[in-house]
Amino acid sequence: MPKLKSHRGAAKRFKRTASGKFKRSSAFKRHLLSSKTTKRKRSLRGMTLVSENDQKALERMLPYK
């Protein structure tokens, strides 16, 4: 069976953890930041885990990560 290609868009956006879950960065922090509170912007920093519903789709997109 041939090698599978990784989805390059997904490979740039997601990283796999040691337990096999996927990390992603938070949304809603690119622009219009003046109307958002400091507390809200601070909570959007860093990485969060992808939901269980999207986990299976990401495993297909990134077979070797």
C-alpha atoms as a PDB file:
ATOM      1  CA  MET A   1       0.000   0.000   0.000  1.00  0.00           C
ATOM      2  CA  PRO A   2       1.386   3.447  -0.871  1.00  0.00           C
ATOM      3  CA  LYS A   3       2.317   6.056   1.678  1.00  0.00           C
ATOM      4  CA  LEU A   4      -0.418   8.498   2.679  1.00  0.00           C
ATOM      5  CA  LYS A   5       0.021  12.239   2.278  1.00  0.00           C
ATOM      6  CA  SER A   6      -0.528  14.549   5.204  1.00  0.00           C
ATOM      7  CA  HIS A   7      -3.019  17.373   4.822  1.00  0.00           C
ATOM      8  CA  ARG A   8      -0.569  20.274   4.716  1.00  0.00           C
ATOM      9  CA  GLY A   9      -3.022  22.872   5.997  1.00  0.00           C
ATOM     10  CA  ALA A  10      -3.817  20.729   9.029  1.00  0.00           C
ATOM     11  CA  ALA A  11      -0.140  19.887   9.592  1.00  0.00           C
ATOM     12  CA  LYS A  12       0.632  23.594  10.018  1.00  0.00           C
ATOM     13  CA  ARG A  13      -2.206  24.161  12.483  1.00  0.00           C
ATOM     14  CA  PHE A  14      -2.209  21.120  14.773  1.00  0.00           C
ATOM     15  CA  LYS A  15       0.389  19.252  16.854  1.00  0.00           C
ATOM     16  CA  ARG A  16      -0.098  15.828  18.396  1.00  0.00           C
ATOM     17  CA  THR A  17       0.487  15.340  22.121  1.00  0.00           C
ATOM     18  CA  ALA A  18       2.227  12.335  23.657  1.00  0.00           C
ATOM     19  CA  SER A  19      -1.132  10.759  24.495  1.00  0.00           C
ATOM     20  CA  GLY A  20      -2.336  11.075  20.882  1.00  0.00           C
ATOM     21  CA  LYS A  21      -4.631  14.069  21.225  1.00  0.00           C
ATOM     22  CA  PHE A  22      -4.235  17.200  19.095  1.00  0.00           C
ATOM     23  CA  LYS A  23      -3.347  20.700  20.274  1.00  0.00           C
ATOM     24  CA  ARG A  24      -4.582  23.843  18.542  1.00  0.00           C
ATOM     25  CA  SER A  25      -4.315  27.563  19.119  1.00  0.00           C
ATOM     26  CA  SER A  26      -7.328  29.600  20.167  1.00  0.00           C
ATOM     27  CA  ALA A  27      -9.516  31.520  17.740  1.00  0.00           C
ATOM     28  CA  PHE A  28     -10.834  35.108  18.022  1.00  0.00           C
ATOM     29  CA  LYS A  29      -7.521  36.839  18.762  1.00  0.00           C
ATOM     30  CA  ARG A  30      -6.409  38.239  15.395  1.00  0.00           C
ATOM     31  CA  HIS A  31      -8.217  41.580  15.115  1.00  0.00           C
ATOM     32  CA  LEU A  32     -10.874  43.782  16.775  1.00  0.00           C
ATOM     33  CA  LEU A  33      -9.028  43.276  20.052  1.00  0.00           C
ATOM     34  CA  SER A  34      -9.865  46.663  21.530  1.00  0.00           C
ATOM     35  CA  SER A  35     -13.451  45.613  22.189  1.00  0.00           C
ATOM     36  CA  LYS A  36     -12.398  42.427  23.996  1.00  0.00           C
ATOM     37  CA  THR A  37     -11.538  42.508  27.680  1.00  0.00           C
ATOM     38  CA  THR A  38      -8.005  41.893  28.907  1.00  0.00           C
ATOM     39  CA  LYS A  39      -9.209  38.825  30.794  1.00  0.00           C
ATOM     40  CA  ARG A  40     -10.753  37.370  27.639  1.00  0.00           C
ATOM     41  CA  LYS A  41      -7.621  38.017  25.550  1.00  0.00           C
ATOM     42  CA  ARG A  42      -5.426  36.502  28.257  1.00  0.00           C
ATOM     43  CA  SER A  43      -7.543  33.336  28.322  1.00  0.00           C
ATOM     44  CA  LEU A  44      -7.147  32.994  24.546  1.00  0.00           C
ATOM     45  CA  ARG A  45      -3.370  32.698  24.812  1.00  0.00           C
ATOM     46  CA  GLY A  46      -1.629  29.358  24.537  1.00  0.00           C
ATOM     47  CA  MET A  47      -2.874  26.071  23.180  1.00  0.00           C
ATOM     48  CA  THR A  48      -6.068  24.106  23.804  1.00  0.00           C
ATOM     49  CA  LEU A  49      -7.072  20.573  22.901  1.00  0.00           C
ATOM     50  CA  VAL A  50      -9.192  19.726  19.877  1.00  0.00           C
ATOM     51  CA  SER A  51     -12.677  18.447  20.700  1.00  0.00           C
ATOM     52  CA  GLU A  52     -13.430  14.724  20.624  1.00  0.00           C
ATOM     53  CA  ASN A  53     -15.750  15.226  17.641  1.00  0.00           C
ATOM     54  CA  ASP A  54     -12.907  16.519  15.448  1.00  0.00           C
ATOM     55  CA  GLN A  55     -10.295  14.028  16.664  1.00  0.00           C
ATOM     56  CA  LYS A  56     -11.145  11.293  14.153  1.00  0.00           C
ATOM     57  CA  ALA A  57     -11.037  13.652  11.170  1.00  0.00           C
ATOM     58  CA  LEU A  58      -7.607  14.943  12.227  1.00  0.00           C
ATOM     59  CA  GLU A  59      -6.260  11.408  12.576  1.00  0.00           C
ATOM     60  CA  ARG A  60      -7.163  10.803   8.939  1.00  0.00           C
ATOM     61  CA  MET A  61      -5.640  14.094   7.827  1.00  0.00           C
ATOM     62  CA  LEU A  62      -2.381  13.548   9.752  1.00  0.00           C
ATOM     63  CA  PRO A  63      -1.646   9.811   9.600  1.00  0.00           C
ATOM     64  CA  TYR A  64       2.033   9.950  10.651  1.00  0.00           C
ATOM     65  CA  LYS A  65       2.097  12.825  13.148  1.00  0.00           C
END
